[in-house]
Protein backbone atom coordinates (compact mmCIF):
# COMPACT_ATOMS: atom_id res chain seq x y z
CA UNK A 1 -34.00 37.41 -16.56
CA UNK A 2 -35.13 40.14 -14.10
CA UNK A 3 -38.66 38.58 -13.45
CA UNK A 4 -36.83 35.27 -12.89
CA UNK A 5 -34.37 36.75 -10.26
CA UNK A 6 -37.24 38.59 -8.36
CA UNK A 7 -39.65 35.18 -8.31
CA UNK A 8 -36.48 33.25 -7.31
CA UNK A 9 -35.92 35.73 -4.56
CA UNK A 10 -39.42 35.67 -3.14
CA UNK A 11 -39.65 31.99 -3.43
CA UNK A 12 -36.38 31.65 -1.37
CA UNK A 13 -37.26 34.44 1.18
CA UNK A 14 -40.80 32.17 1.59
CA UNK A 15 -38.68 28.92 1.93
CA UNK A 16 -36.46 30.57 4.45
CA UNK A 17 -39.46 31.72 6.52
CA UNK A 18 -40.99 28.17 6.43
CA UNK A 19 -37.91 26.66 7.48
CA UNK A 20 -37.37 28.91 9.96
CA UNK A 21 -40.91 28.18 11.49
CA UNK A 22 -40.08 24.30 11.08
CA UNK A 23 -36.80 24.49 12.82
CA UNK A 24 -38.53 26.63 15.86
CA UNK A 25 -41.21 24.03 15.82
CA UNK A 26 -38.39 21.27 16.28
CA UNK A 27 -36.55 23.14 18.74
CA UNK A 28 -39.84 23.58 20.79
CA UNK A 29 -40.40 19.61 20.49
CA UNK A 30 -36.44 19.19 21.69
CA UNK A 31 -37.19 21.67 24.80
CA UNK A 32 -40.10 19.60 25.83
CA UNK A 33 -38.63 16.24 25.49
CA UNK A 34 -35.45 17.63 27.55
CA UNK A 35 -37.77 18.75 30.22
CA UNK A 36 -39.47 15.69 30.44
CA UNK A 37 -35.96 13.84 30.72
CA UNK A 38 -34.94 16.28 33.42
CA UNK A 39 -38.07 15.25 35.28
CA UNK A 40 -37.10 11.62 34.99
CA UNK A 41 -33.71 12.12 36.06
CA UNK A 42 -34.95 13.96 39.31
CA UNK A 43 -37.20 11.11 39.94
CA UNK A 44 -34.13 8.52 39.54
CA UNK A 45 -32.34 10.61 42.08
CA UNK A 46 -35.18 10.62 44.60
CA UNK A 47 -35.45 7.15 44.42
CA UNK A 48 -31.74 6.34 44.72
CA UNK A 49 -31.90 8.69 48.16
CA UNK A 50 -35.02 6.98 49.33
CA UNK A 51 -33.09 3.62 49.18
CA UNK A 52 -30.37 4.94 50.88
CA UNK A 53 -32.46 6.48 53.41
CA UNK A 54 -34.42 3.38 54.02
CA UNK A 55 -31.18 1.29 54.57
CA UNK A 56 -29.97 3.73 57.24
CA UNK A 57 -33.40 3.71 59.00
CA UNK A 58 -33.46 -0.07 58.90
CA UNK A 59 -29.85 0.04 60.41
CA UNK A 60 -30.67 2.64 63.17
CA UNK A 61 -33.95 0.73 64.10
CA UNK A 62 -31.68 -2.52 64.59
CA UNK A 63 -29.11 -0.83 66.44
CA UNK A 64 -32.17 0.73 68.81
CA UNK A 65 -33.47 -2.44 69.47
CA UNK A 66 -30.03 -4.17 70.16
CA UNK A 67 -29.18 -1.34 72.73
CA UNK A 68 -32.38 -1.28 74.54
CA UNK A 69 -34.26 -4.51 73.75
CA UNK A 70 -37.73 -2.62 73.09
CA UNK A 71 -39.58 -3.69 70.24
CA UNK A 72 -40.85 0.00 69.42
CA UNK A 73 -37.41 0.49 67.82
CA UNK A 74 -38.06 -1.99 65.34
CA UNK A 75 -40.84 0.25 63.82
CA UNK A 76 -38.52 2.18 61.52
CA UNK A 77 -36.82 -1.11 60.62
CA UNK A 78 -39.86 -2.79 59.49
CA UNK A 79 -41.05 0.46 57.48
CA UNK A 80 -37.59 0.41 55.55
CA UNK A 81 -37.94 -3.00 54.72
CA UNK A 82 -41.10 -2.57 52.80
CA UNK A 83 -39.84 0.97 51.29
CA UNK A 84 -36.50 -0.38 50.39
CA UNK A 85 -37.87 -3.07 48.14
CA UNK A 86 -40.31 -0.75 46.23
CA UNK A 87 -37.54 2.09 45.51
CA UNK A 88 -35.32 -0.67 43.98
CA UNK A 89 -38.21 -2.00 41.92
CA UNK A 90 -38.95 1.90 41.04
CA UNK A 91 -35.25 2.31 39.97
CA UNK A 92 -35.28 -0.62 38.06
CA UNK A 93 -38.35 0.60 36.09
CA UNK A 94 -36.95 4.10 35.60
CA UNK A 95 -33.33 3.24 34.44
CA UNK A 96 -34.71 0.49 31.80
CA UNK A 97 -33.13 2.52 29.35
CA UNK A 98 -29.68 2.75 30.91
CA UNK A 99 -27.69 -0.43 30.35
CA UNK A 100 -24.98 0.91 33.01
CA UNK A 101 -27.78 1.53 35.68
CA UNK A 102 -29.38 -1.75 35.17
CA UNK A 103 -26.05 -3.47 35.87
CA UNK A 104 -25.56 -1.59 39.25
CA UNK A 105 -29.09 -2.53 40.33
CA UNK A 106 -28.37 -6.35 39.44
CA UNK A 107 -25.34 -6.11 41.90
CA UNK A 108 -27.56 -3.83 44.44
CA UNK A 109 -30.34 -6.16 44.68
CA UNK A 110 -28.18 -9.31 46.36
CA UNK A 111 -26.31 -6.57 48.57
CA UNK A 112 -29.63 -5.14 49.77
CA UNK A 113 -30.75 -8.48 50.77
CA UNK A 114 -27.64 -9.66 52.39
CA UNK A 115 -27.73 -6.27 54.70
CA UNK A 116 -31.32 -6.89 55.52
CA UNK A 117 -30.52 -10.54 56.43
CA UNK A 118 -27.69 -9.59 58.48
CA UNK A 119 -30.03 -7.14 60.26
CA UNK A 120 -32.66 -9.76 60.73
CA UNK A 121 -30.00 -12.17 62.12
CA UNK A 122 -28.77 -9.85 64.83
CA UNK A 123 -32.42 -9.31 66.08
CA UNK A 124 -33.19 -12.77 66.46
CA UNK A 125 -30.05 -13.39 68.02
CA UNK A 126 -30.76 -10.53 70.47
CA UNK A 127 -34.39 -12.18 71.05
CA UNK A 128 -33.30 -15.80 71.45
CA UNK A 129 -29.83 -16.03 72.87
CA UNK A 130 -29.38 -12.20 74.10
CA UNK A 131 -27.26 -9.13 73.37
CA UNK A 132 -23.65 -10.88 73.35
CA UNK A 133 -24.40 -13.04 70.55
CA UNK A 134 -25.93 -10.45 68.57
CA UNK A 135 -23.04 -8.10 69.10
CA UNK A 136 -20.69 -10.66 67.87
CA UNK A 137 -22.54 -10.94 64.67
CA UNK A 138 -21.99 -7.02 64.52
CA UNK A 139 -18.17 -7.09 65.46
CA UNK A 140 -17.68 -9.36 62.45
CA UNK A 141 -18.00 -6.48 60.08
CA UNK A 142 -19.83 -8.16 57.18
CA UNK A 143 -22.81 -5.90 57.51
CA UNK A 144 -20.74 -2.75 57.35
CA UNK A 145 -18.73 -4.14 54.23
CA UNK A 146 -22.07 -4.78 52.77
CA UNK A 147 -23.16 -1.14 53.53
CA UNK A 148 -20.12 0.27 52.13
CA UNK A 149 -20.59 -1.56 48.92
CA UNK A 150 -24.04 -0.35 48.65
CA UNK A 151 -23.19 3.21 49.51
CA UNK A 152 -20.48 3.24 46.60
CA UNK A 153 -23.09 1.43 44.16
CA UNK A 154 -25.56 4.32 45.00
CA UNK A 155 -22.83 7.00 44.77
CA UNK A 156 -21.96 5.51 41.20
CA UNK A 157 -25.88 5.69 40.44
CA UNK A 158 -26.04 9.10 41.96
CA UNK A 159 -23.16 10.58 39.60
CA UNK A 160 -24.23 9.20 36.39
CA UNK A 161 -27.90 10.69 36.75
CA UNK A 162 -26.27 14.02 37.75
CA UNK A 163 -24.28 13.76 34.68
CA UNK A 164 -27.21 12.82 32.61
CA UNK A 165 -29.05 15.86 34.11
CA UNK A 166 -26.46 18.37 33.25
CA UNK A 167 -26.53 17.08 29.51
CA UNK A 168 -30.18 17.28 29.40
CA UNK A 169 -30.02 20.93 31.36
CA UNK A 170 -27.69 21.82 28.55
CA UNK A 171 -30.03 20.28 25.83
CA UNK A 172 -32.88 22.42 27.15
CA UNK A 173 -30.88 25.68 26.91
CA UNK A 174 -29.42 24.66 23.44
CA UNK A 175 -33.01 24.03 22.29
CA UNK A 176 -34.24 27.70 23.54
CA UNK A 177 -30.98 29.11 21.84
CA UNK A 178 -31.55 27.43 18.73
CA UNK A 179 -35.01 28.38 18.46
CA UNK A 180 -34.42 32.21 18.93
CA UNK A 181 -31.48 31.94 16.55
CA UNK A 182 -33.24 30.18 13.85
CA UNK A 183 -36.03 32.77 13.86
CA UNK A 184 -33.93 35.82 13.97
CA UNK A 185 -31.55 34.36 11.21
CA UNK A 186 -34.48 33.61 9.08
CA UNK A 187 -35.87 37.05 9.43
CA UNK A 188 -32.63 38.59 8.52
CA UNK A 189 -31.92 36.16 5.57
CA UNK A 190 -35.21 37.14 4.35
CA UNK A 191 -34.71 40.64 4.42
CA UNK A 192 -31.17 40.34 3.04
CA UNK A 193 -32.49 38.31 0.08
CA UNK A 194 -34.89 40.88 -0.66
CA UNK A 195 -32.48 43.57 -0.68
CA UNK A 196 -30.16 41.27 -2.86
CA UNK A 197 -32.92 40.90 -5.41
CA UNK A 198 -33.15 44.75 -5.72
CA UNK A 199 -29.24 45.24 -6.01
CA UNK A 200 -29.33 42.34 -8.75
CA UNK A 201 -32.13 43.81 -10.78
CA UNK A 202 -30.28 47.25 -10.83
CA UNK A 203 -27.25 45.34 -11.91
CA UNK A 204 -28.48 43.20 -14.59
CA UNK A 205 -28.24 45.65 -17.22
CA UNK A 206 -24.76 46.68 -16.44
CA UNK A 207 -23.48 42.80 -16.10
CA UNK A 208 -25.23 42.11 -19.60
CA UNK A 209 -23.28 44.74 -21.24
CA UNK A 210 -20.12 43.54 -19.46
CA UNK A 211 -20.72 39.85 -20.08
CA UNK A 212 -21.13 40.44 -23.86
CA UNK A 213 -17.65 42.21 -23.75
CA UNK A 214 -16.18 39.34 -22.00
CA UNK A 215 -17.56 36.76 -24.44
CA UNK A 216 -16.16 38.54 -27.42
CA UNK A 217 -12.79 38.61 -25.63
CA UNK A 218 -13.16 34.94 -24.70
CA UNK A 219 -13.87 33.86 -28.06
CA UNK A 220 -10.62 35.49 -29.27
CA UNK A 221 -8.60 33.99 -26.62
CA UNK A 222 -9.78 30.69 -27.32
CA UNK A 223 -9.45 31.14 -30.89
CA UNK A 224 -5.53 32.12 -30.32
CA UNK A 225 -5.09 29.06 -27.92
CA UNK A 226 -6.63 26.63 -30.32
CA UNK A 227 -4.38 27.89 -33.21
CA UNK A 228 -1.25 27.97 -31.03
CA UNK A 229 -1.44 24.74 -29.09
CA UNK A 230 0.90 21.85 -30.28
CA UNK A 231 -1.78 19.37 -31.15
CA UNK A 232 -3.86 19.77 -34.44
CA UNK A 233 -7.42 20.99 -33.99
CA UNK A 234 -10.26 20.83 -36.56
CA UNK A 235 -13.87 21.85 -35.73
CA UNK A 236 -16.96 21.16 -37.65
CA UNK A 237 -20.54 22.26 -37.75
CA UNK A 238 -23.59 19.75 -37.48
CA UNK A 239 -23.30 18.69 -41.13
CA UNK A 240 -19.59 17.59 -40.91
CA UNK A 241 -18.09 20.75 -42.60
CA UNK A 242 -14.99 22.25 -41.47
CA UNK A 243 -15.20 25.68 -39.57
CA UNK A 244 -11.81 25.98 -37.97
CA UNK A 245 -8.33 24.63 -38.49
CA UNK A 246 -5.30 25.58 -36.31
CA UNK A 247 -1.89 25.99 -37.90
CA UNK A 248 -0.77 22.14 -36.95
CA UNK A 249 -3.67 20.78 -38.72
CA UNK A 250 -3.34 22.96 -41.60
CA UNK A 251 0.28 21.51 -41.99
CA UNK A 252 -0.73 17.87 -41.56
CA UNK A 253 -3.66 17.99 -44.05
CA UNK A 254 -2.07 20.25 -46.46
CA UNK A 255 -5.18 22.15 -46.59
CA UNK A 256 -5.40 26.04 -45.63
CA UNK A 257 -8.01 27.43 -43.13
CA UNK A 258 -9.34 29.09 -46.57
CA UNK A 259 -9.46 25.96 -48.68
CA UNK A 260 -11.06 23.91 -46.06
CA UNK A 261 -13.81 26.10 -44.69
CA UNK A 262 -17.21 24.54 -45.62
CA UNK A 263 -15.62 21.41 -47.18
CA UNK A 264 -16.60 18.27 -45.92
CA UNK A 265 -14.26 16.61 -43.06
CA UNK A 266 -14.14 13.39 -45.33
CA UNK A 267 -12.43 15.39 -47.99
CA UNK A 268 -9.90 17.51 -45.69
CA UNK A 269 -9.32 14.65 -43.13
CA UNK A 270 -8.58 11.64 -45.31
CA UNK A 271 -7.43 8.49 -43.44
CA UNK A 272 -6.92 4.82 -44.13
CA UNK A 273 -5.69 1.89 -42.49
CA UNK A 274 -1.94 1.49 -42.51
CA UNK A 275 -1.68 -2.25 -43.26
CA UNK A 276 -4.77 -2.63 -45.64
CA UNK A 277 -4.82 0.85 -46.93
CA UNK A 278 -8.58 0.62 -46.79
CA UNK A 279 -10.52 3.78 -45.99
CA UNK A 280 -11.32 4.27 -42.08
CA UNK A 281 -14.65 5.68 -41.04
CA UNK A 282 -14.11 9.33 -40.17
CA UNK A 283 -14.68 10.03 -36.35
CA UNK A 284 -16.67 12.95 -37.01
CA UNK A 285 -19.50 10.65 -38.08
CA UNK A 286 -19.01 8.24 -35.29
CA UNK A 287 -19.30 11.03 -32.92
CA UNK A 288 -22.49 12.29 -34.39
CA UNK A 289 -23.94 8.73 -34.13
CA UNK A 290 -22.71 7.99 -30.65
CA UNK A 291 -22.73 11.42 -29.29
CA UNK A 292 -19.72 10.79 -27.10
CA UNK A 293 -15.86 11.09 -27.07
CA UNK A 294 -14.23 8.56 -29.62
CA UNK A 295 -10.97 7.79 -30.70
CA UNK A 296 -9.22 6.19 -33.93
CA UNK A 297 -8.28 2.40 -34.15
CA UNK A 298 -4.27 1.95 -34.14
CA UNK A 299 -2.27 1.71 -37.58
CA UNK A 300 -4.26 5.02 -38.72
CA UNK A 301 -2.85 7.06 -41.42
CA UNK A 302 -3.40 10.49 -42.32
CA UNK A 303 -3.09 11.25 -46.24
CA UNK A 304 -2.10 14.62 -46.64
CA UNK A 305 -3.23 16.70 -49.82
CA UNK A 306 0.42 16.94 -50.78
CA UNK A 307 0.86 13.12 -50.80
CA UNK A 308 2.62 12.58 -47.50
CA UNK A 309 1.65 10.11 -44.85
CA UNK A 310 1.61 10.42 -41.21
CA UNK A 311 0.86 7.94 -38.37
CA UNK A 312 -1.72 9.72 -36.19
CA UNK A 313 -3.85 9.23 -33.13
CA UNK A 314 -6.99 11.27 -32.51
CA UNK A 315 -10.18 11.96 -30.18
CA UNK A 316 -13.41 13.36 -31.38
CA UNK A 317 -15.85 15.07 -29.07
CA UNK A 318 -19.07 16.76 -29.65
CA UNK A 319 -19.25 20.42 -29.08
CA UNK A 320 -22.49 21.03 -26.63
CA UNK A 321 -24.19 24.25 -25.32
CA UNK A 322 -25.02 24.37 -21.43
CA UNK A 323 -28.31 22.99 -22.15
CA UNK A 324 -26.66 19.80 -23.83
CA UNK A 325 -27.69 20.77 -27.48
CA UNK A 326 -24.93 19.95 -29.97
CA UNK A 327 -23.72 22.40 -32.48
CA UNK A 328 -20.57 20.60 -33.76
CA UNK A 329 -17.55 18.40 -33.44
CA UNK A 330 -14.09 19.00 -32.25
CA UNK A 331 -11.50 16.80 -33.58
CA UNK A 332 -8.04 16.74 -31.88
CA UNK A 333 -5.20 14.67 -33.36
CA UNK A 334 -1.39 14.46 -33.46
CA UNK A 335 1.73 13.30 -35.66
CA UNK A 336 3.13 10.14 -33.96
CA UNK A 337 5.17 8.99 -36.94
CA UNK A 338 8.34 9.54 -35.04
CA UNK A 339 7.15 7.68 -31.88
CA UNK A 340 6.08 4.72 -33.87
CA UNK A 341 9.52 4.65 -35.38
CA UNK A 342 11.07 4.93 -32.05
CA UNK A 343 8.75 2.23 -30.64
CA UNK A 344 9.52 -0.23 -33.88
CA UNK A 345 13.32 0.34 -33.07
CA UNK A 346 13.01 -0.25 -29.34
CA UNK A 347 11.23 -3.43 -29.89
CA UNK A 348 13.74 -4.63 -32.59
CA UNK A 349 16.31 -3.77 -30.04
CA UNK A 350 14.59 -5.75 -27.34
CA UNK A 351 14.08 -8.77 -29.58
CA UNK A 352 17.84 -8.53 -30.80
CA UNK A 353 18.72 -8.46 -26.91
CA UNK A 354 16.74 -11.35 -26.40
CA UNK A 355 18.08 -13.42 -29.03
CA UNK A 356 21.49 -12.80 -27.79
CA UNK A 357 20.63 -13.85 -24.32
CA UNK A 358 19.03 -16.78 -25.59
CA UNK A 359 22.18 -17.89 -27.89
CA UNK A 360 24.99 -17.49 -25.26
CA UNK A 361 26.11 -20.37 -23.36
CA UNK A 362 26.32 -18.46 -19.79
CA UNK A 363 23.03 -18.61 -17.93
CA UNK A 364 21.63 -15.26 -17.33
CA UNK A 365 18.93 -14.40 -14.61
CA UNK A 366 17.55 -11.01 -13.70
CA UNK A 367 15.20 -10.30 -10.65
CA UNK A 368 13.69 -7.01 -9.73
CA UNK A 369 14.09 -5.76 -5.94
CA UNK A 370 11.01 -7.74 -4.82
CA UNK A 371 12.68 -11.11 -5.94
CA UNK A 372 10.32 -11.21 -9.10
CA UNK A 373 12.23 -12.83 -12.04
CA UNK A 374 12.37 -10.43 -15.01
CA UNK A 375 14.73 -12.57 -17.36
CA UNK A 376 15.59 -16.22 -17.43
CA UNK A 377 17.43 -17.21 -20.41
CA UNK A 378 17.75 -21.10 -22.22
CA UNK A 379 21.02 -21.41 -20.91
CA UNK A 380 20.01 -20.52 -17.30
CA UNK A 381 17.00 -23.21 -17.48
CA UNK A 382 19.35 -25.89 -19.00
CA UNK A 383 22.11 -25.49 -16.43
CA UNK A 384 19.61 -25.25 -13.37
CA UNK A 385 17.07 -27.87 -14.66
CA UNK A 386 14.24 -25.43 -14.27
CA UNK A 387 13.02 -22.02 -15.39
CA UNK A 388 11.57 -19.06 -13.54
CA UNK A 389 9.21 -19.77 -10.58
CA UNK A 390 7.09 -17.79 -8.32
CA UNK A 391 9.13 -18.84 -5.57
CA UNK A 392 10.09 -16.06 -2.81
CA UNK A 393 13.97 -15.56 -2.61
CA UNK A 394 13.86 -17.30 1.01
CA UNK A 395 12.74 -20.54 -0.59
CA UNK A 396 15.05 -20.43 -3.63
CA UNK A 397 17.63 -22.83 -2.13
CA UNK A 398 15.04 -25.29 -1.65
CA UNK A 399 13.08 -24.91 -5.12
CA UNK A 400 16.41 -24.92 -7.07
CA UNK A 401 18.46 -27.21 -4.62
CA UNK A 402 21.55 -24.83 -3.94
CA UNK A 403 24.40 -26.15 -2.03
CA UNK A 404 27.78 -24.83 -0.89
CA UNK A 405 30.52 -26.43 -3.12
CA UNK A 406 30.80 -29.55 -0.56
CA UNK A 407 27.39 -30.54 -2.05
CA UNK A 408 26.19 -31.22 0.99
CA UNK A 409 25.57 -28.02 3.05
CA UNK A 410 22.41 -25.89 1.76
CA UNK A 411 23.54 -22.73 0.39
CA UNK A 412 22.11 -19.80 3.18
CA UNK A 413 19.11 -18.19 1.16
CA UNK A 414 20.37 -14.31 2.02
CA UNK A 415 23.82 -15.45 0.89
CA UNK A 416 23.03 -16.27 -2.71
CA UNK A 417 24.55 -14.51 -5.46
CA UNK A 418 21.16 -13.13 -6.95
CA UNK A 419 19.93 -12.09 -3.52
CA UNK A 420 23.29 -10.14 -2.85
CA UNK A 421 23.14 -8.34 -6.12
CA UNK A 422 19.78 -7.23 -5.46
CA UNK A 423 20.81 -5.93 -1.98
CA UNK A 424 23.45 -3.94 -4.15
CA UNK A 425 26.53 -5.86 -3.55
CA UNK A 426 29.01 -7.01 -6.38
CA UNK A 427 29.65 -10.63 -6.53
CA UNK A 428 32.69 -12.41 -8.21
CA UNK A 429 33.33 -15.89 -9.19
CA UNK A 430 31.46 -17.36 -6.22
CA UNK A 431 30.96 -21.18 -6.37
CA UNK A 432 28.00 -23.04 -5.50
CA UNK A 433 26.55 -26.53 -6.11
CA UNK A 434 23.26 -27.39 -7.92
CA UNK A 435 21.28 -30.58 -7.55
CA UNK A 436 17.71 -31.18 -7.78
CA UNK A 437 15.50 -34.00 -9.55
CA UNK A 438 15.99 -32.51 -12.82
CA UNK A 439 19.65 -32.36 -12.29
CA UNK A 440 20.25 -35.39 -9.99
CA UNK A 441 24.03 -35.82 -10.76
CA UNK A 442 24.66 -32.31 -9.83
CA UNK A 443 26.53 -29.28 -11.21
CA UNK A 444 29.06 -26.98 -10.01
CA UNK A 445 28.40 -23.40 -10.85
CA UNK A 446 30.71 -20.32 -11.11
CA UNK A 447 28.65 -17.01 -10.67
CA UNK A 448 29.02 -13.40 -11.12
CA UNK A 449 26.41 -10.63 -10.20
CA UNK A 450 25.75 -7.08 -10.10
CA UNK A 451 23.05 -4.97 -8.91
CA UNK A 452 20.64 -3.14 -11.52
CA UNK A 453 20.45 0.55 -10.79
CA UNK A 454 18.65 3.50 -12.28
CA UNK A 455 20.61 6.30 -14.02
CA UNK A 456 19.84 8.26 -10.60
CA UNK A 457 21.42 5.35 -8.46
CA UNK A 458 18.35 3.95 -7.16
CA UNK A 459 18.45 0.12 -6.78
CA UNK A 460 15.90 -1.71 -9.17
CA UNK A 461 17.28 -5.38 -8.62
CA UNK A 462 20.00 -7.89 -9.66
CA UNK A 463 21.54 -9.75 -12.47
CA UNK A 464 23.61 -12.89 -12.36
CA UNK A 465 25.74 -14.44 -15.15
CA UNK A 466 26.93 -18.05 -14.57
CA UNK A 467 28.17 -21.19 -16.40
CA UNK A 468 28.78 -24.79 -15.50
CA UNK A 469 32.17 -25.67 -14.45
CA UNK A 470 31.96 -29.34 -13.39
CA UNK A 471 33.85 -30.66 -16.32
CA UNK A 472 36.57 -28.06 -15.77
CA UNK A 473 36.84 -29.17 -12.33
CA UNK A 474 36.78 -32.85 -13.09
CA UNK A 475 39.60 -32.25 -15.73
CA UNK A 476 41.39 -30.24 -12.81
CA UNK A 477 41.05 -32.91 -10.33
CA UNK A 478 42.22 -35.35 -12.94
CA UNK A 479 45.42 -33.48 -13.68
CA UNK A 480 46.24 -33.03 -10.06
CA UNK A 481 45.71 -37.00 -9.36
CA UNK A 482 48.19 -37.34 -12.48
CA UNK A 483 50.68 -35.17 -10.86
CA UNK A 484 50.40 -36.99 -7.83
CA UNK A 485 51.05 -40.28 -9.48
CA UNK A 486 53.91 -38.56 -11.42
CA UNK A 487 55.73 -37.28 -8.18
CA UNK A 488 55.26 -40.80 -6.54
CA UNK A 489 56.83 -42.56 -9.27
CA UNK A 490 59.42 -39.73 -9.62
CA UNK A 491 60.37 -40.14 -5.97
CA UNK A 492 60.35 -43.57 -5.62
CA UNK A 493 62.52 -44.14 -8.44
CA UNK A 494 65.90 -46.11 -7.14
CA UNK A 495 67.85 -44.40 -9.77
CA UNK A 496 68.89 -40.92 -9.30
CA UNK A 497 66.97 -38.49 -11.75
CA UNK A 498 67.41 -34.75 -12.41
CA UNK A 499 65.05 -32.28 -14.11
CA UNK A 500 66.58 -29.41 -15.60
CA UNK A 501 65.59 -27.00 -18.18
CA UNK A 502 67.37 -27.14 -21.58
CA UNK A 503 67.41 -23.42 -22.29
CA UNK A 504 68.76 -22.05 -19.01
CA UNK A 505 70.30 -25.54 -17.98
CA UNK A 506 69.03 -24.74 -14.45
CA UNK A 507 68.12 -27.82 -12.06
CA UNK A 508 64.49 -27.62 -11.44
CA UNK A 509 64.19 -30.92 -9.33
CA UNK A 510 65.88 -34.04 -7.95
CA UNK A 511 64.36 -37.27 -6.62
CA UNK A 512 65.25 -38.93 -3.24
CA UNK A 513 67.85 -41.12 -4.87
CA UNK A 514 69.89 -38.16 -6.33
CA UNK A 515 69.70 -36.51 -2.81
CA UNK A 516 71.18 -39.34 -1.23
CA UNK A 517 73.58 -40.24 -3.95
CA UNK A 518 75.12 -37.15 -4.45
CA UNK A 519 74.80 -35.73 -0.76
CA UNK A 520 72.95 -32.44 -1.81
CA UNK A 521 69.59 -31.43 -0.48
CA UNK A 522 66.92 -30.10 -2.70
CA UNK A 523 67.38 -26.61 -1.70
CA UNK A 524 70.99 -26.98 -2.74
CA UNK A 525 70.22 -28.33 -6.09
CA UNK A 526 67.47 -25.77 -6.72
CA UNK A 527 68.11 -22.83 -9.28
CA UNK A 528 70.47 -20.79 -9.66
CA UNK A 529 72.92 -23.21 -7.87
CA UNK A 530 73.47 -25.92 -10.36
CA UNK A 531 73.28 -25.99 -14.01
CA UNK A 532 73.45 -29.23 -16.36
CA UNK A 533 76.12 -29.79 -18.70
CA UNK A 534 75.96 -27.70 -22.06
CA UNK A 535 76.26 -30.84 -24.36
CA UNK A 536 72.57 -31.57 -23.33
CA UNK A 537 71.22 -28.42 -24.59
CA UNK A 538 68.66 -29.09 -27.29
CA UNK A 539 65.19 -27.59 -26.80
CA UNK A 540 63.83 -25.10 -24.50
CA UNK A 541 61.50 -27.64 -22.69
CA UNK A 542 62.05 -29.09 -19.44
CA UNK A 543 63.20 -32.76 -19.57
CA UNK A 544 64.14 -35.55 -17.26
CA UNK A 545 67.64 -37.02 -17.24
CA UNK A 546 69.26 -40.03 -14.95
CA UNK A 547 72.71 -40.74 -13.55
CA UNK A 548 74.08 -37.37 -14.16
CA UNK A 549 77.28 -37.69 -12.22
CA UNK A 550 79.02 -34.17 -12.99
CA UNK A 551 78.02 -31.15 -11.23
CA UNK A 552 78.77 -27.76 -12.30
CA UNK A 553 78.37 -24.67 -10.25
CA UNK A 554 79.32 -21.19 -9.95
């Protein structure tokens, strides 16, 4: 171990030295490149200044000629025309890698041409027409505007190049700094590493002893932990013989640690298929074969040594060293008998609830808070003419043909009873009308709704219960019309007719003929003002009697 550490230390020291040299070389290259870019920037700035100076010289020569008329003043103008074109060409070449400067040069060229053209125009006008014509062009100001634009563009180009110069100067400084730091850090690390190797060598013997003590303590700790965890744990060697069992595993298998140690896993861990009662392949063998974590199939029973049976689920995994070498298998399993019973009972309750919902005459519809239908019983499908769909709540009125009780106005989607229940509202005895291709004649429904909430009060959705009240409404309408016909016949009878209760003899009603013949209003004949003769008392039910001539009162 000591040799490996020393060798590794020297190898790392050499690697650090090589790395420091490589980084120093890279920084030197960066310094050289940054210096070249600085020279390039200075060259661009020089050409920008030369362009500006050339235009100023051209303008100076033009003004001198206009004032004096002497050809000698045009010498600077002619020299500037030649130099400006050259400097702009240089700028275009030098900034070919800079899109921003290239765009400015494309704008600069026509402006320079316009300015030089304006200068040439004034010179020609002075020669041909005199100073007044030339001055007129100058006073128009177009030349000044172009010159101002040229100066602004050249200023922008100068600013950008100066910014680049600052960046490249900083890069140059950084390259030098990095190079110095890399050499210094590499040397320091190499020395530190060598010192560290020496310290490691001196501590190796002490650490080895300490590690052995910690390993023994760790083995004891893991053994105690495995013995006390809630799941059953069995470990085997590479031959499939049991080497360890915790208390839970001993309780479920019926084998003690002493009895099981050295026994085959097939004997200690006896498992069969719950439905077929046929033996199931032991997971330890499967782990040896596949070399990875495996689990049992569903419906697996563990047969205890004492004759008990347990529903279990488990997983088996190979026990590997740090180098990947296997030296056994660990099997972790748990008793899920009670959970299986609970799942079966929950399934039975769910099926029972479904049967109840499917058998009741009222429609029941449940939706979550997003409008997804969770339940749509058969009665609901029959009443609505269709079952659950993937339609969003805003389209339910269209999908199911929902109208107000007038059977004409479409029901507002946001006021549908189920939507209101999903918002947390209680809905009682809301009436609405359904008409769609499956229910062309239409149905009048009465709906109650409630929100679905968790035990903590969080809203989960809504439920509505409804029934078809079309026939009841029709019966009520028939009764109302019958009563209307009765009252029409009663009031139109030419003979006086009294209606009284035979039990109390109180007059309940009188027709128009009775009111006219006896001179009493209907209010005066209403109970308790009048009573019928005692000789007519036979049954407690109301009856109709005509031509009662005698009145009684109190």
